[in-house]
Amino acid sequence: MKIGFVINDIKTEKDTYTTVRLALAATNAGHEAWLIGVGDFTYDADGTLCARAYGAGGKEYRSTTSYMAAVLDKKGGSRRIKVCDLDVLMLRNDVAEDFNRPWAQAAGFIFGQVAQQQGVLVLNDPTSLADAFNKAYFQHYPEAVRPVTLITRSVEEVSEFVKARKGRAVLKPLQGSGGANVFVLKSGEDSNVKQMVEAISRDGYVVAQEYLPAAKAGDVRLFVMNGQPLIVNGKLAAFRRKPAKGESRSNMKVGGKAARVEMTDSMRHIVEIVRPKLVQDGMFLVGLDIVGDKLMEVNVFSPGGLGSAQHLEGENFSVGIIEAIERKVEYKRHYAGQISNKRLATL
């Protein structure tokens, strides 16, 4: 199998990232794996989609560190490949990380759509990723599993929303990740709403959500593959992100710590409710962020933290993901265009 992983930039890719773990697992399984930055595509004049790709093959690697060292080794260098020669193109670039490169945010799913048209299996489905470009996509999931949410740029409307909830709310940008510009308001802090909204709205719309008391214990990142919780050899790919002392946000980038978590009835219920849309949209691998019995976010672009789940559970979940992709390639070979990319993505 030949598989390409689209990332933000080879220069900023870290060996701790989930995408690198997936590329390593593919390489160690004997596949040809490539890392491709969103700025590394070329749509040739003859209609061929090409890319400058980086890979490391020829042997098994014991760690992501040694793997990335081989990928970046100047002796190996990079190759210009035809994307249509790939069996799979997995879109893993984080659009929120490219806020200062607006041209790069849409590049992954734009070229993903071209690759799909040229016969490559693209995961997650690129057309659905275009629809999920910002957090408004989250509002298309059933109200039963979502916290009460307001999306606006109006200071007055946010103030009314916060006041109606006795000063407890969460404010965050419509586009963003990693806990940047996320404010958790406590009772009595509503006098600062104007400054918070102005800080967030400089870059777009503001999302105001009801505060969930269960957030004190952090949130759960649950990996879902093919519309089902990702379970490999009986181990669940999930972990709880606990906030650092004195911090309201649980994101790992702001000091959150990972802890082991068991599947709960609430988590099962949430997956049951969101499964139909995930399958309908061809979302092969996603990360659900859950607080109590509510779904806070659906990360469809580049759900991270697989390394934390692997460390806590002692299971290499990347192997299970690559095996699932292998089966899709086999299905595609047998059915030769009879099954759409969107459907095949979650089979």
Protein backbone atom coordinates (compact mmCIF):
# COMPACT_ATOMS: atom_id res chain seq x y z
CA MET A 1 0.00 0.00 0.00
CA LYS A 2 1.18 3.51 -0.82
CA ILE A 3 -0.10 6.12 1.62
CA GLY A 4 0.47 9.85 1.93
CA PHE A 5 -0.17 11.87 5.10
CA VAL A 6 -0.90 15.55 4.59
CA ILE A 7 0.56 17.71 7.37
CA ASN A 8 1.00 21.44 7.93
CA ASP A 9 4.73 21.58 7.18
CA ILE A 10 7.55 19.05 7.33
CA LYS A 11 9.68 21.68 9.13
CA THR A 12 7.25 21.95 12.05
CA GLU A 13 6.18 18.32 12.32
CA LYS A 14 7.21 16.79 15.68
CA ASP A 15 7.97 13.16 16.42
CA THR A 16 5.33 13.21 19.18
CA TYR A 17 2.50 13.96 16.75
CA THR A 18 -0.18 11.36 16.03
CA THR A 19 0.43 11.62 12.27
CA VAL A 20 4.05 10.58 12.71
CA ARG A 21 2.89 7.57 14.75
CA LEU A 22 0.58 6.57 11.90
CA ALA A 23 3.33 6.99 9.28
CA LEU A 24 5.70 4.93 11.43
CA ALA A 25 3.12 2.15 11.83
CA ALA A 26 2.53 2.10 8.08
CA THR A 27 6.26 1.98 7.34
CA ASN A 28 6.87 -0.81 9.87
CA ALA A 29 4.00 -2.77 8.30
CA GLY A 30 5.90 -2.74 5.00
CA HIS A 31 3.96 0.03 3.30
CA GLU A 32 5.30 3.02 1.41
CA ALA A 33 4.48 6.06 3.57
CA TRP A 34 5.01 9.73 2.76
CA LEU A 35 4.60 13.00 4.66
CA ILE A 36 3.35 15.88 2.49
CA GLY A 37 3.05 19.52 3.62
CA VAL A 38 0.03 21.52 2.47
CA GLY A 39 2.44 23.77 0.57
CA ASP A 40 4.12 20.87 -1.23
CA PHE A 41 1.48 20.13 -3.90
CA THR A 42 1.81 20.96 -7.59
CA TYR A 43 -1.08 20.72 -10.03
CA ASP A 44 0.80 20.24 -13.30
CA ALA A 45 -0.30 21.77 -16.58
CA ASP A 46 -1.27 18.33 -17.89
CA GLY A 47 -3.72 17.83 -14.99
CA THR A 48 -1.47 15.57 -12.92
CA LEU A 49 -1.44 16.27 -9.18
CA CYS A 50 2.08 15.91 -7.79
CA ALA A 51 3.68 16.59 -4.44
CA ARG A 52 7.08 16.94 -2.80
CA ALA A 53 6.98 14.05 -0.34
CA TYR A 54 9.19 12.96 2.55
CA GLY A 55 9.56 9.38 3.71
CA ALA A 56 11.79 6.76 5.26
CA GLY A 57 11.66 3.16 4.17
CA GLY A 58 13.76 0.08 3.90
CA LYS A 59 13.66 -1.01 7.52
CA GLU A 60 11.65 -1.02 10.72
CA TYR A 61 11.99 1.84 13.18
CA ARG A 62 11.81 1.42 16.95
CA SER A 63 10.59 4.92 17.77
CA THR A 64 9.02 8.00 16.25
CA THR A 65 12.27 9.83 17.02
CA SER A 66 14.41 7.53 14.87
CA TYR A 67 11.73 7.50 12.20
CA MET A 68 11.58 11.30 11.90
CA ALA A 69 15.38 11.48 11.93
CA ALA A 70 15.40 9.19 8.89
CA VAL A 71 12.64 11.22 7.19
CA LEU A 72 14.61 14.43 7.62
CA ASP A 73 17.99 12.91 6.77
CA LYS A 74 19.51 14.93 3.94
CA LYS A 75 20.88 11.75 2.39
CA GLY A 76 17.37 10.47 1.91
CA GLY A 77 15.92 13.83 0.99
CA SER A 78 12.52 14.08 -0.65
CA ARG A 79 10.87 12.88 -3.82
CA ARG A 80 8.43 14.40 -6.26
CA ILE A 81 5.60 11.88 -6.50
CA LYS A 82 2.40 11.60 -8.49
CA VAL A 83 -0.44 11.66 -5.99
CA CYS A 84 -2.54 9.44 -8.28
CA ASP A 85 0.03 6.66 -7.66
CA LEU A 86 -0.98 6.59 -4.00
CA ASP A 87 -3.62 4.20 -2.73
CA VAL A 88 -4.56 6.49 0.16
CA LEU A 89 -4.18 10.16 1.02
CA MET A 90 -4.90 10.89 4.68
CA LEU A 91 -5.62 14.55 5.41
CA ARG A 92 -4.07 15.33 8.80
CA ASN A 93 -3.18 19.04 8.63
CA ASP A 94 -4.49 21.18 11.49
CA VAL A 95 -6.28 24.12 9.89
CA ALA A 96 -6.24 26.09 13.17
CA GLU A 97 -2.42 25.95 13.28
CA ASP A 98 -2.28 27.74 9.92
CA PHE A 99 -4.23 30.81 11.03
CA ASN A 100 -1.36 33.03 9.86
CA ARG A 101 -1.22 31.24 6.51
CA PRO A 102 -4.81 31.61 5.23
CA TRP A 103 -3.91 30.04 1.89
CA ALA A 104 -2.85 26.84 3.69
CA GLN A 105 -6.03 26.29 5.68
CA ALA A 106 -8.09 25.02 2.76
CA ALA A 107 -5.24 23.51 0.72
CA GLY A 108 -5.54 20.05 2.25
CA PHE A 109 -9.14 19.39 1.37
CA ILE A 110 -8.90 21.27 -1.96
CA PHE A 111 -6.10 19.03 -3.21
CA GLY A 112 -7.74 16.11 -1.44
CA GLN A 113 -10.78 16.59 -3.68
CA VAL A 114 -8.52 16.56 -6.74
CA ALA A 115 -6.80 13.37 -5.53
CA GLN A 116 -10.19 11.75 -4.97
CA GLN A 117 -11.26 12.63 -8.51
CA GLN A 118 -8.04 10.98 -9.75
CA GLY A 119 -8.90 7.70 -8.04
CA VAL A 120 -7.17 7.98 -4.66
CA LEU A 121 -8.98 7.01 -1.45
CA VAL A 122 -8.99 10.17 0.68
CA LEU A 123 -9.51 10.09 4.46
CA ASN A 124 -11.35 11.87 5.99
CA ASP A 125 -13.65 12.64 3.07
CA PRO A 126 -12.40 15.98 1.65
CA THR A 127 -15.81 17.37 0.71
CA SER A 128 -17.10 16.87 4.23
CA LEU A 129 -13.91 18.39 5.65
CA ALA A 130 -14.61 21.50 3.58
CA ASP A 131 -18.03 21.69 5.28
CA ALA A 132 -16.37 21.22 8.69
CA PHE A 133 -13.88 24.06 8.20
CA ASN A 134 -14.86 25.70 11.49
CA LYS A 135 -16.66 24.91 14.75
CA ALA A 136 -20.06 25.75 13.24
CA TYR A 137 -19.99 22.20 11.85
CA PHE A 138 -20.45 21.04 15.43
CA GLN A 139 -23.91 22.65 15.48
CA HIS A 140 -25.11 20.09 12.93
CA TYR A 141 -24.96 17.36 15.56
CA PRO A 142 -28.08 16.68 17.67
CA GLU A 143 -28.92 19.17 20.43
CA ALA A 144 -29.31 16.29 22.88
CA VAL A 145 -25.53 15.90 23.17
CA ARG A 146 -24.41 19.53 22.75
CA PRO A 147 -24.12 22.24 25.39
CA VAL A 148 -26.25 25.35 24.84
CA THR A 149 -24.28 27.48 22.38
CA LEU A 150 -24.35 30.98 20.92
CA ILE A 151 -22.26 32.07 17.91
CA THR A 152 -21.98 35.82 17.37
CA ARG A 153 -19.67 38.85 17.22
CA SER A 154 -21.97 40.98 19.36
CA VAL A 155 -20.75 41.98 22.82
CA GLU A 156 -24.33 42.67 23.89
CA GLU A 157 -25.58 39.22 22.86
CA VAL A 158 -22.70 37.46 24.60
CA SER A 159 -23.31 39.55 27.73
CA GLU A 160 -26.98 38.56 27.78
CA PHE A 161 -26.02 34.91 27.28
CA VAL A 162 -23.58 35.03 30.19
CA LYS A 163 -26.00 36.94 32.43
CA ALA A 164 -28.74 34.34 31.80
CA ARG A 165 -26.33 31.70 33.14
CA LYS A 166 -25.43 33.67 36.27
CA GLY A 167 -21.99 34.54 34.98
CA ARG A 168 -20.84 30.98 34.21
CA ALA A 169 -19.91 30.38 30.57
CA VAL A 170 -17.09 29.49 28.20
CA LEU A 171 -16.01 31.86 25.43
CA LYS A 172 -13.81 30.72 22.55
CA PRO A 173 -13.10 31.46 18.87
CA LEU A 174 -15.12 29.80 16.12
CA GLN A 175 -11.83 28.78 14.54
CA GLY A 176 -8.96 27.69 16.75
CA SER A 177 -7.43 24.86 18.76
CA GLY A 178 -5.14 24.13 21.66
CA GLY A 179 -6.97 26.36 24.14
CA ALA A 180 -5.90 29.64 22.52
CA ASN A 181 -8.23 32.55 23.38
CA VAL A 182 -10.50 30.32 25.46
CA PHE A 183 -12.00 32.01 28.53
CA VAL A 184 -13.84 30.21 31.33
CA LEU A 185 -15.97 32.76 33.18
CA LYS A 186 -16.85 32.45 36.84
CA SER A 187 -19.66 34.23 38.64
CA GLY A 188 -18.79 37.89 39.06
CA GLU A 189 -16.45 38.06 36.08
CA ASP A 190 -19.06 39.22 33.57
CA SER A 191 -17.64 42.76 33.73
CA ASN A 192 -14.72 41.48 31.61
CA VAL A 193 -16.94 40.07 28.86
CA LYS A 194 -16.43 43.08 26.56
CA GLN A 195 -12.63 42.74 26.61
CA MET A 196 -12.83 38.98 26.09
CA VAL A 197 -15.22 39.26 23.15
CA GLU A 198 -13.08 41.96 21.57
CA ALA A 199 -9.96 39.79 21.93
CA ILE A 200 -11.65 36.79 20.31
CA SER A 201 -13.62 38.66 17.64
CA ARG A 202 -10.49 40.27 16.19
CA ASP A 203 -10.03 36.99 14.31
CA GLY A 204 -13.67 36.09 13.65
CA TYR A 205 -16.78 34.89 15.41
CA VAL A 206 -17.17 34.16 19.12
CA VAL A 207 -18.59 30.90 20.47
CA ALA A 208 -20.28 31.20 23.87
CA GLN A 209 -21.24 27.93 25.59
CA GLU A 210 -22.89 27.06 28.85
CA TYR A 211 -20.44 26.09 31.58
CA LEU A 212 -20.59 22.44 32.61
CA PRO A 213 -19.63 21.76 36.26
CA ALA A 214 -18.16 18.40 35.21
CA ALA A 215 -15.41 20.38 33.42
CA LYS A 216 -13.61 20.72 36.77
CA ALA A 217 -12.47 17.12 36.31
CA GLY A 218 -11.26 17.86 32.78
CA ASP A 219 -12.53 16.47 29.51
CA VAL A 220 -12.19 13.13 27.72
CA ARG A 221 -10.61 12.72 24.29
CA LEU A 222 -12.20 9.66 22.73
CA PHE A 223 -11.00 8.39 19.35
CA VAL A 224 -13.74 7.14 17.06
CA MET A 225 -12.95 5.13 13.91
CA ASN A 226 -15.56 4.10 11.35
CA GLY A 227 -18.23 5.52 13.65
CA GLN A 228 -17.23 3.26 16.56
CA PRO A 229 -14.99 3.81 19.61
CA LEU A 230 -11.45 2.84 18.62
CA ILE A 231 -10.70 -0.36 20.50
CA VAL A 232 -7.61 -2.49 19.79
CA ASN A 233 -7.05 -5.79 21.61
CA GLY A 234 -9.68 -4.81 24.14
CA LYS A 235 -8.05 -1.45 24.92
CA LEU A 236 -9.93 1.83 24.46
CA ALA A 237 -8.18 4.71 22.67
CA ALA A 238 -9.15 7.48 25.06
CA PHE A 239 -7.81 9.52 27.94
CA ARG A 240 -8.92 12.22 30.34
CA ARG A 241 -7.24 15.62 30.07
CA LYS A 242 -6.96 17.11 33.54
CA PRO A 243 -6.36 20.87 33.93
CA ALA A 244 -3.12 22.03 35.49
CA LYS A 245 -3.37 23.63 38.93
CA GLY A 246 -4.97 27.04 38.69
CA GLU A 247 -5.95 26.48 35.05
CA SER A 248 -9.54 26.12 33.79
CA ARG A 249 -8.63 24.72 30.39
CA SER A 250 -7.61 21.08 30.05
CA ASN A 251 -5.82 21.30 26.68
CA MET A 252 -2.40 19.64 26.67
CA LYS A 253 -0.86 22.77 25.13
CA VAL A 254 -1.74 24.75 28.27
CA GLY A 255 -0.42 22.21 30.77
CA GLY A 256 -3.22 19.63 30.85
CA LYS A 257 -2.21 16.16 32.01
CA ALA A 258 -3.42 12.85 30.59
CA ALA A 259 -5.03 10.23 32.81
CA ARG A 260 -6.55 6.85 32.10
CA VAL A 261 -10.31 6.69 31.56
CA GLU A 262 -12.90 3.90 31.31
CA MET A 263 -15.79 3.87 28.86
CA THR A 264 -18.99 5.15 30.49
CA ASP A 265 -22.65 4.87 29.53
CA SER A 266 -22.65 8.59 28.73
CA MET A 267 -19.74 8.17 26.34
CA ARG A 268 -21.46 5.22 24.64
CA HIS A 269 -24.65 7.25 24.29
CA ILE A 270 -22.82 10.17 22.70
CA VAL A 271 -21.11 7.91 20.17
CA GLU A 272 -24.47 6.32 19.33
CA ILE A 273 -26.00 9.74 18.70
CA VAL A 274 -23.18 11.13 16.53
CA ARG A 275 -22.40 7.91 14.63
CA PRO A 276 -24.97 8.42 11.83
CA LYS A 277 -23.55 11.80 10.85
CA LEU A 278 -19.93 10.68 11.13
CA VAL A 279 -20.68 7.77 8.81
CA GLN A 280 -22.77 9.89 6.46
CA ASP A 281 -19.94 12.43 6.17
CA GLY A 282 -17.18 9.88 5.62
CA MET A 283 -15.32 10.78 8.81
CA PHE A 284 -12.97 7.82 9.20
CA LEU A 285 -11.00 8.95 12.26
CA VAL A 286 -12.14 11.69 14.62
CA GLY A 287 -11.59 12.81 18.19
CA LEU A 288 -14.61 13.50 20.40
CA ASP A 289 -14.06 15.87 23.33
CA ILE A 290 -16.54 14.99 26.06
CA VAL A 291 -17.41 16.65 29.38
CA GLY A 292 -19.85 14.72 31.53
CA ASP A 293 -22.75 13.77 29.28
CA LYS A 294 -22.09 16.48 26.69
CA LEU A 295 -20.00 16.61 23.54
CA MET A 296 -17.84 19.74 23.48
CA GLU A 297 -16.13 19.32 20.13
CA VAL A 298 -15.69 16.98 17.16
CA ASN A 299 -12.09 17.14 15.87
CA VAL A 300 -12.30 15.87 12.30
CA PHE A 301 -9.07 17.33 10.90
CA SER A 302 -6.17 16.17 13.04
CA PRO A 303 -7.26 14.57 16.32
CA GLY A 304 -4.13 14.27 18.42
CA GLY A 305 -3.16 12.53 21.62
CA LEU A 306 -2.89 8.98 20.32
CA GLY A 307 0.51 8.78 22.00
CA SER A 308 -1.07 9.57 25.37
CA ALA A 309 -3.63 6.82 24.91
CA GLN A 310 -0.88 4.42 23.83
CA HIS A 311 1.22 5.24 26.90
CA LEU A 312 -1.70 4.87 29.32
CA GLU A 313 -3.12 1.68 27.81
CA GLY A 314 0.08 -0.01 26.66
CA GLU A 315 -1.38 -0.53 23.19
CA ASN A 316 -0.17 0.74 19.81
CA PHE A 317 -3.46 2.03 18.41
CA SER A 318 -1.74 3.25 15.24
CA VAL A 319 -1.36 -0.36 14.11
CA GLY A 320 -5.12 -0.90 14.36
CA ILE A 321 -5.78 2.26 12.33
CA ILE A 322 -3.39 1.22 9.57
CA GLU A 323 -4.98 -2.24 9.45
CA ALA A 324 -8.40 -0.61 9.01
CA ILE A 325 -7.02 1.45 6.10
CA GLU A 326 -5.56 -1.71 4.54
CA ARG A 327 -9.06 -3.23 4.51
CA LYS A 328 -10.47 -0.16 2.77
CA VAL A 329 -7.83 -0.39 0.05
CA GLU A 330 -8.79 -4.05 -0.43
CA TYR A 331 -12.48 -3.13 -0.67
CA LYS A 332 -11.67 -0.43 -3.21
CA ARG A 333 -9.68 -2.88 -5.30
CA HIS A 334 -12.53 -5.41 -5.38
CA TYR A 335 -15.34 -2.93 -6.06
CA ALA A 336 -13.46 -0.68 -8.53
CA GLY A 337 -15.39 2.58 -8.26
CA GLN A 338 -18.73 1.10 -7.25
CA ILE A 339 -18.49 2.51 -3.72
CA SER A 340 -18.12 6.25 -3.15
CA ASN A 341 -15.17 7.72 -1.28
CA LYS A 342 -17.51 9.01 1.42
CA ARG A 343 -19.00 5.55 2.02
CA LEU A 344 -15.74 3.67 1.74
CA ALA A 345 -14.18 6.00 4.31
CA THR A 346 -16.25 4.51 7.13
CA LEU A 347 -16.65 0.89 6.00
